[in-house]
């Protein structure tokens, strides 16, 4: 029964996320990206916390370690990609150097 509840919440958040992102005007993409980077930064800290907690107690659970490593990887990719896109966008406003 709980799995149906969790799947329902997951599908609702996917639908809400798609609807929200497709309706964001182009002028708000940069603030939205900075908010996404902040959330991904929090995810990075949480994933590192999970990985360090598992290691410090000596009980390395396989599932928490794998999920923490996956979360760390994807959050890092999101933050780095966000900074690359933001940097490229800011370069457009600086103009060409002579």
PDB file of N, CA and C in Angstrom:
ATOM      1  N   UNK A   1       0.827  -1.203   0.000  1.00  0.00           N
ATOM      2  CA  UNK A   1       0.000   0.000   0.000  1.00  0.00           C
ATOM      3  C   UNK A   1       0.865   1.257   0.000  1.00  0.00           C
ATOM      4  N   UNK A   2       1.945   1.231   0.766  1.00  0.00           N
ATOM      5  CA  UNK A   2       2.803   2.417   0.847  1.00  0.00           C
ATOM      6  C   UNK A   2       3.502   2.684  -0.482  1.00  0.00           C
ATOM      7  N   UNK A   3       3.792   1.629  -1.235  1.00  0.00           N
ATOM      8  CA  UNK A   3       4.473   1.809  -2.523  1.00  0.00           C
ATOM      9  C   UNK A   3       3.583   2.545  -3.519  1.00  0.00           C
ATOM     10  N   UNK A   4       2.278   2.304  -3.465  1.00  0.00           N
ATOM     11  CA  UNK A   4       1.337   3.014  -4.338  1.00  0.00           C
ATOM     12  C   UNK A   4       1.314   4.495  -3.977  1.00  0.00           C
ATOM     13  N   UNK A   5       1.345   4.783  -2.697  1.00  0.00           N
ATOM     14  CA  UNK A   5       1.380   6.163  -2.208  1.00  0.00           C
ATOM     15  C   UNK A   5       2.642   6.870  -2.693  1.00  0.00           C
ATOM     16  N   UNK A   6       3.783   6.217  -2.579  1.00  0.00           N
ATOM     17  CA  UNK A   6       5.042   6.813  -2.998  1.00  0.00           C
ATOM     18  C   UNK A   6       5.110   7.003  -4.513  1.00  0.00           C
ATOM     19  N   UNK A   7       4.616   6.033  -5.269  1.00  0.00           N
ATOM     20  CA  UNK A   7       4.596   6.162  -6.727  1.00  0.00           C
ATOM     21  C   UNK A   7       3.674   7.300  -7.144  1.00  0.00           C
ATOM     22  N   UNK A   8       2.546   7.447  -6.468  1.00  0.00           N
ATOM     23  CA  UNK A   8       1.613   8.533  -6.770  1.00  0.00           C
ATOM     24  C   UNK A   8       2.266   9.886  -6.529  1.00  0.00           C
ATOM     25  N   UNK A   9       2.954  10.047  -5.414  1.00  0.00           N
ATOM     26  CA  UNK A   9       3.642  11.304  -5.117  1.00  0.00           C
ATOM     27  C   UNK A   9       4.727  11.574  -6.154  1.00  0.00           C
ATOM     28  N   UNK A  10       5.478  10.542  -6.521  1.00  0.00           N
ATOM     29  CA  UNK A  10       6.532  10.707  -7.518  1.00  0.00           C
ATOM     30  C   UNK A  10       5.961  11.168  -8.849  1.00  0.00           C
ATOM     31  N   UNK A  11       4.900  10.527  -9.309  1.00  0.00           N
ATOM     32  CA  UNK A  11       4.304  10.895 -10.597  1.00  0.00           C
ATOM     33  C   UNK A  11       3.713  12.302 -10.559  1.00  0.00           C
ATOM     34  N   UNK A  12       3.125  12.678  -9.435  1.00  0.00           N
ATOM     35  CA  UNK A  12       2.585  14.028  -9.309  1.00  0.00           C
ATOM     36  C   UNK A  12       3.696  15.073  -9.355  1.00  0.00           C
ATOM     37  N   UNK A  13       4.829  14.797  -8.722  1.00  0.00           N
ATOM     38  CA  UNK A  13       5.927  15.760  -8.747  1.00  0.00           C
ATOM     39  C   UNK A  13       6.553  15.851 -10.130  1.00  0.00           C
ATOM     40  N   UNK A  14       6.618  14.734 -10.849  1.00  0.00           N
ATOM     41  CA  UNK A  14       7.129  14.774 -12.226  1.00  0.00           C
ATOM     42  C   UNK A  14       6.214  15.636 -13.085  1.00  0.00           C
ATOM     43  N   UNK A  15       4.919  15.412 -12.991  1.00  0.00           N
ATOM     44  CA  UNK A  15       3.959  16.196 -13.768  1.00  0.00           C
ATOM     45  C   UNK A  15       4.036  17.673 -13.399  1.00  0.00           C
ATOM     46  N   UNK A  16       4.085  17.982 -12.113  1.00  0.00           N
ATOM     47  CA  UNK A  16       4.161  19.365 -11.669  1.00  0.00           C
ATOM     48  C   UNK A  16       5.456  20.021 -12.142  1.00  0.00           C
ATOM     49  N   UNK A  17       6.563  19.299 -12.079  1.00  0.00           N
ATOM     50  CA  UNK A  17       7.835  19.846 -12.526  1.00  0.00           C
ATOM     51  C   UNK A  17       7.837  20.164 -14.005  1.00  0.00           C
ATOM     52  N   UNK A  18       7.280  19.262 -14.812  1.00  0.00           N
ATOM     53  CA  UNK A  18       7.211  19.505 -16.259  1.00  0.00           C
ATOM     54  C   UNK A  18       6.317  20.703 -16.553  1.00  0.00           C
ATOM     55  N   UNK A  19       5.189  20.780 -15.903  1.00  0.00           N
ATOM     56  CA  UNK A  19       4.280  21.909 -16.125  1.00  0.00           C
ATOM     57  C   UNK A  19       4.916  23.226 -15.694  1.00  0.00           C
ATOM     58  N   UNK A  20       5.628  23.219 -14.593  1.00  0.00           N
ATOM     59  CA  UNK A  20       6.252  24.443 -14.087  1.00  0.00           C
ATOM     60  C   UNK A  20       7.369  24.914 -15.005  1.00  0.00           C
ATOM     61  N   UNK A  21       8.239  24.013 -15.405  1.00  0.00           N
ATOM     62  CA  UNK A  21       9.384  24.391 -16.226  1.00  0.00           C
ATOM     63  C   UNK A  21       8.950  24.883 -17.611  1.00  0.00           C
ATOM     64  N   UNK A  22       7.948  24.259 -18.195  1.00  0.00           N
ATOM     65  CA  UNK A  22       7.522  24.677 -19.535  1.00  0.00           C
ATOM     66  C   UNK A  22       6.829  26.031 -19.533  1.00  0.00           C
ATOM     67  N   UNK A  23       6.351  26.485 -18.386  1.00  0.00           N
ATOM     68  CA  UNK A  23       5.643  27.761 -18.324  1.00  0.00           C
ATOM     69  C   UNK A  23       6.508  28.908 -17.790  1.00  0.00           C
ATOM     70  N   UNK A  24       7.779  28.655 -17.531  1.00  0.00           N
ATOM     71  CA  UNK A  24       8.669  29.703 -17.034  1.00  0.00           C
ATOM     72  C   UNK A  24       9.132  30.561 -18.206  1.00  0.00           C
ATOM     73  N   UNK A  25       8.960  31.888 -18.118  1.00  0.00           N
ATOM     74  CA  UNK A  25       9.442  32.744 -19.204  1.00  0.00           C
ATOM     75  C   UNK A  25      10.976  32.768 -19.249  1.00  0.00           C
ATOM     76  N   UNK A  26      11.512  33.130 -20.407  1.00  0.00           N
ATOM     77  CA  UNK A  26      12.966  33.105 -20.604  1.00  0.00           C
ATOM     78  C   UNK A  26      13.695  34.031 -19.641  1.00  0.00           C
ATOM     79  N   UNK A  27      13.054  35.114 -19.208  1.00  0.00           N
ATOM     80  CA  UNK A  27      13.723  36.057 -18.305  1.00  0.00           C
ATOM     81  C   UNK A  27      13.917  35.480 -16.903  1.00  0.00           C
ATOM     82  N   UNK A  28      13.190  34.430 -16.570  1.00  0.00           N
ATOM     83  CA  UNK A  28      13.313  33.843 -15.238  1.00  0.00           C
ATOM     84  C   UNK A  28      14.178  32.593 -15.198  1.00  0.00           C
ATOM     85  N   UNK A  29      14.754  32.206 -16.325  1.00  0.00           N
ATOM     86  CA  UNK A  29      15.549  30.977 -16.333  1.00  0.00           C
ATOM     87  C   UNK A  29      16.799  31.090 -15.472  1.00  0.00           C
ATOM     88  N   UNK A  30      17.459  32.252 -15.476  1.00  0.00           N
ATOM     89  CA  UNK A  30      18.674  32.420 -14.673  1.00  0.00           C
ATOM     90  C   UNK A  30      18.375  32.334 -13.173  1.00  0.00           C
ATOM     91  N   UNK A  31      17.360  33.045 -12.646  1.00  0.00           N
ATOM     92  CA  UNK A  31      17.060  32.874 -11.217  1.00  0.00           C
ATOM     93  C   UNK A  31      16.623  31.458 -10.870  1.00  0.00           C
ATOM     94  N   UNK A  32      15.906  30.824 -11.782  1.00  0.00           N
ATOM     95  CA  UNK A  32      15.483  29.447 -11.541  1.00  0.00           C
ATOM     96  C   UNK A  32      16.689  28.520 -11.484  1.00  0.00           C
ATOM     97  N   UNK A  33      17.673  28.763 -12.340  1.00  0.00           N
ATOM     98  CA  UNK A  33      18.874  27.943 -12.353  1.00  0.00           C
ATOM     99  C   UNK A  33      19.689  28.153 -11.073  1.00  0.00           C
ATOM    100  N   UNK A  34      19.755  29.386 -10.588  1.00  0.00           N
ATOM    101  CA  UNK A  34      20.505  29.617  -9.353  1.00  0.00           C
ATOM    102  C   UNK A  34      19.814  28.952  -8.166  1.00  0.00           C
ATOM    103  N   UNK A  35      18.490  28.928  -8.180  1.00  0.00           N
ATOM    104  CA  UNK A  35      17.773  28.203  -7.125  1.00  0.00           C
ATOM    105  C   UNK A  35      18.011  26.707  -7.216  1.00  0.00           C
ATOM    106  N   UNK A  36      18.047  26.190  -8.433  1.00  0.00           N
ATOM    107  CA  UNK A  36      18.341  24.775  -8.637  1.00  0.00           C
ATOM    108  C   UNK A  36      19.751  24.438  -8.173  1.00  0.00           C
ATOM    109  N   UNK A  37      20.695  25.336  -8.429  1.00  0.00           N
ATOM    110  CA  UNK A  37      22.063  25.109  -7.958  1.00  0.00           C
ATOM    111  C   UNK A  37      22.129  25.097  -6.437  1.00  0.00           C
ATOM    112  N   UNK A  38      21.364  25.953  -5.788  1.00  0.00           N
ATOM    113  CA  UNK A  38      21.357  25.979  -4.323  1.00  0.00           C
ATOM    114  C   UNK A  38      20.794  24.666  -3.764  1.00  0.00           C
ATOM    115  N   UNK A  39      19.723  24.180  -4.360  1.00  0.00           N
ATOM    116  CA  UNK A  39      19.138  22.920  -3.915  1.00  0.00           C
ATOM    117  C   UNK A  39      20.098  21.769  -4.162  1.00  0.00           C
ATOM    118  N   UNK A  40      20.778  21.788  -5.306  1.00  0.00           N
ATOM    119  CA  UNK A  40      21.757  20.739  -5.591  1.00  0.00           C
ATOM    120  C   UNK A  40      22.939  20.811  -4.634  1.00  0.00           C
ATOM    121  N   UNK A  41      23.309  22.009  -4.227  1.00  0.00           N
ATOM    122  CA  UNK A  41      24.366  22.151  -3.221  1.00  0.00           C
ATOM    123  C   UNK A  41      23.966  21.512  -1.904  1.00  0.00           C
ATOM    124  N   UNK A  42      22.716  21.678  -1.518  1.00  0.00           N
ATOM    125  CA  UNK A  42      22.223  21.039  -0.298  1.00  0.00           C
ATOM    126  C   UNK A  42      22.222  19.518  -0.469  1.00  0.00           C
ATOM    127  N   UNK A  43      21.871  19.056  -1.662  1.00  0.00           N
ATOM    128  CA  UNK A  43      21.907  17.621  -1.943  1.00  0.00           C
ATOM    129  C   UNK A  43      23.321  17.079  -1.846  1.00  0.00           C
ATOM    130  N   UNK A  44      24.295  17.845  -2.316  1.00  0.00           N
ATOM    131  CA  UNK A  44      25.695  17.424  -2.228  1.00  0.00           C
ATOM    132  C   UNK A  44      26.118  17.278  -0.770  1.00  0.00           C
ATOM    133  N   UNK A  45      25.766  18.253   0.052  1.00  0.00           N
ATOM    134  CA  UNK A  45      26.115  18.183   1.472  1.00  0.00           C
ATOM    135  C   UNK A  45      25.446  16.981   2.138  1.00  0.00           C
ATOM    136  N   UNK A  46      24.180  16.739   1.811  1.00  0.00           N
ATOM    137  CA  UNK A  46      23.471  15.589   2.382  1.00  0.00           C
ATOM    138  C   UNK A  46      24.067  14.265   1.942  1.00  0.00           C
ATOM    139  N   UNK A  47      24.433  14.166   0.672  1.00  0.00           N
ATOM    140  CA  UNK A  47      25.016  12.922   0.164  1.00  0.00           C
ATOM    141  C   UNK A  47      26.377  12.660   0.801  1.00  0.00           C
ATOM    142  N   UNK A  48      27.165  13.710   0.943  1.00  0.00           N
ATOM    143  CA  UNK A  48      28.454  13.540   1.614  1.00  0.00           C
ATOM    144  C   UNK A  48      28.232  13.129   3.065  1.00  0.00           C
ATOM    145  N   UNK A  49      27.223  13.713   3.707  1.00  0.00           N
ATOM    146  CA  UNK A  49      26.910  13.327   5.083  1.00  0.00           C
ATOM    147  C   UNK A  49      26.532  11.864   5.198  1.00  0.00           C
ATOM    148  N   UNK A  50      25.735  11.373   4.272  1.00  0.00           N
ATOM    149  CA  UNK A  50      25.354   9.957   4.285  1.00  0.00           C
ATOM    150  C   UNK A  50      26.588   9.080   4.098  1.00  0.00           C
ATOM    151  N   UNK A  51      27.410   9.442   3.130  1.00  0.00           N
ATOM    152  CA  UNK A  51      28.599   8.636   2.857  1.00  0.00           C
ATOM    153  C   UNK A  51      29.557   8.633   4.048  1.00  0.00           C
ATOM    154  N   UNK A  52      29.762   9.786   4.675  1.00  0.00           N
ATOM    155  CA  UNK A  52      30.671   9.852   5.825  1.00  0.00           C
ATOM    156  C   UNK A  52      30.096   9.149   7.048  1.00  0.00           C
ATOM    157  N   UNK A  53      28.788   9.252   7.251  1.00  0.00           N
ATOM    158  CA  UNK A  53      28.153   8.583   8.386  1.00  0.00           C
ATOM    159  C   UNK A  53      28.270   7.075   8.243  1.00  0.00           C
ATOM    160  N   UNK A  54      28.045   6.580   7.063  1.00  0.00           N
ATOM    161  CA  UNK A  54      28.163   5.141   6.832  1.00  0.00           C
ATOM    162  C   UNK A  54      29.590   4.675   7.088  1.00  0.00           C
ATOM    163  N   UNK A  55      30.554   5.489   6.697  1.00  0.00           N
ATOM    164  CA  UNK A  55      31.953   5.095   6.862  1.00  0.00           C
ATOM    165  C   UNK A  55      32.395   5.187   8.320  1.00  0.00           C
ATOM    166  N   UNK A  56      31.950   6.214   9.038  1.00  0.00           N
ATOM    167  CA  UNK A  56      32.433   6.426  10.406  1.00  0.00           C
ATOM    168  C   UNK A  56      31.870   5.403  11.391  1.00  0.00           C
ATOM    169  N   UNK A  57      30.691   4.885  11.143  1.00  0.00           N
ATOM    170  CA  UNK A  57      30.128   3.873  12.037  1.00  0.00           C
ATOM    171  C   UNK A  57      30.667   2.481  11.761  1.00  0.00           C
ATOM    172  N   UNK A  58      31.394   2.325  10.678  1.00  0.00           N
ATOM    173  CA  UNK A  58      31.953   1.030  10.358  1.00  0.00           C
ATOM    174  C   UNK A  58      30.965   0.091   9.704  1.00  0.00           C
ATOM    175  N   UNK A  59      29.712   0.470   9.668  1.00  0.00           N
ATOM    176  CA  UNK A  59      28.684  -0.352   9.029  1.00  0.00           C
ATOM    177  C   UNK A  59      28.379   0.259   7.667  1.00  0.00           C
ATOM    178  N   UNK A  60      29.020  -0.229   6.678  1.00  0.00           N
ATOM    179  CA  UNK A  60      28.795   0.323   5.349  1.00  0.00           C
ATOM    180  C   UNK A  60      27.628  -0.421   4.718  1.00  0.00           C
ATOM    181  N   UNK A  61      26.454   0.193   4.809  1.00  0.00           N
ATOM    182  CA  UNK A  61      25.289  -0.380   4.157  1.00  0.00           C
ATOM    183  C   UNK A  61      25.404  -0.153   2.657  1.00  0.00           C
ATOM    184  N   UNK A  62      25.076  -1.155   1.896  1.00  0.00           N
ATOM    185  CA  UNK A  62      25.258  -1.058   0.447  1.00  0.00           C
ATOM    186  C   UNK A  62      24.261  -0.068  -0.164  1.00  0.00           C
ATOM    187  N   UNK A  63      22.993  -0.172   0.199  1.00  0.00           N
ATOM    188  CA  UNK A  63      21.979   0.698  -0.399  1.00  0.00           C
ATOM    189  C   UNK A  63      22.198   2.178  -0.067  1.00  0.00           C
ATOM    190  N   UNK A  64      22.415   2.560   1.210  1.00  0.00           N
ATOM    191  CA  UNK A  64      22.664   3.986   1.472  1.00  0.00           C
ATOM    192  C   UNK A  64      23.924   4.500   0.780  1.00  0.00           C
ATOM    193  N   UNK A  65      24.935   3.665   0.688  1.00  0.00           N
ATOM    194  CA  UNK A  65      26.168   4.089   0.030  1.00  0.00           C
ATOM    195  C   UNK A  65      25.940   4.320  -1.461  1.00  0.00           C
ATOM    196  N   UNK A  66      25.236   3.400  -2.115  1.00  0.00           N
ATOM    197  CA  UNK A  66      24.971   3.544  -3.553  1.00  0.00           C
ATOM    198  C   UNK A  66      24.079   4.752  -3.822  1.00  0.00           C
ATOM    199  N   UNK A  67      23.026   4.914  -3.033  1.00  0.00           N
ATOM    200  CA  UNK A  67      22.129   6.053  -3.231  1.00  0.00           C
ATOM    201  C   UNK A  67      22.841   7.374  -2.954  1.00  0.00           C
ATOM    202  N   UNK A  68      23.689   7.399  -1.923  1.00  0.00           N
ATOM    203  CA  UNK A  68      24.459   8.615  -1.634  1.00  0.00           C
ATOM    204  C   UNK A  68      25.427   8.946  -2.746  1.00  0.00           C
ATOM    205  N   UNK A  69      26.080   7.928  -3.295  1.00  0.00           N
ATOM    206  CA  UNK A  69      27.030   8.155  -4.391  1.00  0.00           C
ATOM    207  C   UNK A  69      26.309   8.640  -5.650  1.00  0.00           C
ATOM    208  N   UNK A  70      25.158   8.058  -5.943  1.00  0.00           N
ATOM    209  CA  UNK A  70      24.385   8.494  -7.120  1.00  0.00           C
ATOM    210  C   UNK A  70      23.898   9.925  -6.933  1.00  0.00           C
ATOM    211  N   UNK A  71      23.390  10.246  -5.741  1.00  0.00           N
ATOM    212  CA  UNK A  71      22.929  11.608  -5.466  1.00  0.00           C
ATOM    213  C   UNK A  71      24.075  12.602  -5.561  1.00  0.00           C
ATOM    214  N   UNK A  72      25.230  12.217  -5.044  1.00  0.00           N
ATOM    215  CA  UNK A  72      26.406  13.088  -5.110  1.00  0.00           C
ATOM    216  C   UNK A  72      26.811  13.341  -6.560  1.00  0.00           C
ATOM    217  N   UNK A  73      26.820  12.298  -7.378  1.00  0.00           N
ATOM    218  CA  UNK A  73      27.206  12.444  -8.780  1.00  0.00           C
ATOM    219  C   UNK A  73      26.252  13.367  -9.532  1.00  0.00           C
ATOM    220  N   UNK A  74      24.945  13.099  -9.448  1.00  0.00           N
ATOM    221  CA  UNK A  74      23.991  13.889 -10.217  1.00  0.00           C
ATOM    222  C   UNK A  74      23.890  15.330  -9.715  1.00  0.00           C
ATOM    223  N   UNK A  75      23.976  15.543  -8.416  1.00  0.00           N
ATOM    224  CA  UNK A  75      23.936  16.908  -7.894  1.00  0.00           C
ATOM    225  C   UNK A  75      25.172  17.681  -8.328  1.00  0.00           C
ATOM    226  N   UNK A  76      26.322  17.023  -8.357  1.00  0.00           N
ATOM    227  CA  UNK A  76      27.544  17.686  -8.808  1.00  0.00           C
ATOM    228  C   UNK A  76      27.459  18.042 -10.285  1.00  0.00           C
ATOM    229  N   UNK A  77      26.941  17.127 -11.089  1.00  0.00           N
ATOM    230  CA  UNK A  77      26.761  17.417 -12.518  1.00  0.00           C
ATOM    231  C   UNK A  77      25.816  18.604 -12.695  1.00  0.00           C
ATOM    232  N   UNK A  78      24.761  18.666 -11.908  1.00  0.00           N
ATOM    233  CA  UNK A  78      23.798  19.759 -12.013  1.00  0.00           C
ATOM    234  C   UNK A  78      24.427  21.095 -11.630  1.00  0.00           C
ATOM    235  N   UNK A  79      25.193  21.115 -10.544  1.00  0.00           N
ATOM    236  CA  UNK A  79      25.825  22.364 -10.105  1.00  0.00           C
ATOM    237  C   UNK A  79      26.861  22.836 -11.125  1.00  0.00           C
ATOM    238  N   UNK A  80      27.717  21.932 -11.577  1.00  0.00           N
ATOM    239  CA  UNK A  80      28.748  22.313 -12.553  1.00  0.00           C
ATOM    240  C   UNK A  80      28.105  22.779 -13.857  1.00  0.00           C
ATOM    241  N   UNK A  81      27.112  22.058 -14.336  1.00  0.00           N
ATOM    242  CA  UNK A  81      26.415  22.473 -15.553  1.00  0.00           C
ATOM    243  C   UNK A  81      25.743  23.822 -15.399  1.00  0.00           C
ATOM    244  N   UNK A  82      25.156  24.073 -14.240  1.00  0.00           N
ATOM    245  CA  UNK A  82      24.520  25.366 -13.988  1.00  0.00           C
ATOM    246  C   UNK A  82      25.520  26.505 -13.996  1.00  0.00           C
ATOM    247  N   UNK A  83      26.688  26.275 -13.402  1.00  0.00           N
ATOM    248  CA  UNK A  83      27.710  27.316 -13.402  1.00  0.00           C
ATOM    249  C   UNK A  83      28.273  27.553 -14.799  1.00  0.00           C
ATOM    250  N   UNK A  84      28.423  26.503 -15.580  1.00  0.00           N
ATOM    251  CA  UNK A  84      28.924  26.651 -16.955  1.00  0.00           C
ATOM    252  C   UNK A  84      27.937  27.465 -17.785  1.00  0.00           C
ATOM    253  N   UNK A  85      26.665  27.141 -17.693  1.00  0.00           N
ATOM    254  CA  UNK A  85      25.652  27.870 -18.458  1.00  0.00           C
ATOM    255  C   UNK A  85      25.561  29.318 -17.982  1.00  0.00           C
ATOM    256  N   UNK A  86      25.598  29.546 -16.665  1.00  0.00           N
ATOM    257  CA  UNK A  86      25.543  30.912 -16.138  1.00  0.00           C
ATOM    258  C   UNK A  86      26.754  31.712 -16.588  1.00  0.00           C
ATOM    259  N   UNK A  87      27.936  31.087 -16.572  1.00  0.00           N
ATOM    260  CA  UNK A  87      29.148  31.778 -17.002  1.00  0.00           C
ATOM    261  C   UNK A  87      29.050  32.158 -18.487  1.00  0.00           C
ATOM    262  N   UNK A  88      28.569  31.244 -19.299  1.00  0.00           N
ATOM    263  CA  UNK A  88      28.425  31.519 -20.724  1.00  0.00           C
ATOM    264  C   UNK A  88      27.418  32.643 -20.959  1.00  0.00           C
ATOM    265  N   UNK A  89      26.344  32.662 -20.168  1.00  0.00           N
ATOM    266  CA  UNK A  89      25.342  33.697 -20.318  1.00  0.00           C
ATOM    267  C   UNK A  89      25.892  35.058 -19.891  1.00  0.00           C
ATOM    268  N   UNK A  90      26.674  35.085 -18.828  1.00  0.00           N
ATOM    269  CA  UNK A  90      27.258  36.346 -18.369  1.00  0.00           C
ATOM    270  C   UNK A  90      28.291  36.882 -19.356  1.00  0.00           C
ATOM    271  N   UNK A  91      28.973  35.995 -20.059  1.00  0.00           N
ATOM    272  CA  UNK A  91      29.935  36.428 -21.075  1.00  0.00           C
ATOM    273  C   UNK A  91      29.251  37.216 -22.192  1.00  0.00           C
ATOM    274  N   UNK A  92      28.012  36.915 -22.493  1.00  0.00           N
ATOM    275  CA  UNK A  92      27.284  37.636 -23.527  1.00  0.00           C
ATOM    276  C   UNK A  92      27.050  39.090 -23.129  1.00  0.00           C
ATOM    277  N   UNK A  93      26.901  39.340 -21.838  1.00  0.00           N
ATOM    278  CA  UNK A  93      26.633  40.706 -21.380  1.00  0.00           C
ATOM    279  C   UNK A  93      27.902  41.532 -21.247  1.00  0.00           C
ATOM    280  N   UNK A  94      29.046  40.916 -21.175  1.00  0.00           N
ATOM    281  CA  UNK A  94      30.300  41.645 -21.015  1.00  0.00           C
ATOM    282  C   UNK A  94      30.746  42.317 -22.305  1.00  0.00           C
ATOM    283  N   UNK A  95      30.355  41.781 -23.399  1.00  0.00           N
ATOM    284  CA  UNK A  95      30.759  42.354 -24.690  1.00  0.00           C
ATOM    285  C   UNK A  95      32.113  41.813 -25.120  1.00  0.00           C
ATOM    286  N   UNK A  96      32.518  42.218 -26.288  1.00  0.00           N
ATOM    287  CA  UNK A  96      33.784  41.731 -26.828  1.00  0.00           C
ATOM    288  C   UNK A  96      34.913  42.648 -26.393  1.00  0.00           C
ATOM    289  N   UNK A  97      36.020  42.022 -25.989  1.00  0.00           N
ATOM    290  CA  UNK A  97      37.194  42.789 -25.589  1.00  0.00           C
ATOM    291  C   UNK A  97      38.014  43.117 -26.822  1.00  0.00           C
ATOM    292  N   UNK A  98      38.570  44.327 -26.820  1.00  0.00           N
ATOM    293  CA  UNK A  98      39.359  44.769 -27.980  1.00  0.00           C
ATOM    294  C   UNK A  98      40.828  44.629 -27.715  1.00  0.00           C
TER     295      UNK A  98
END
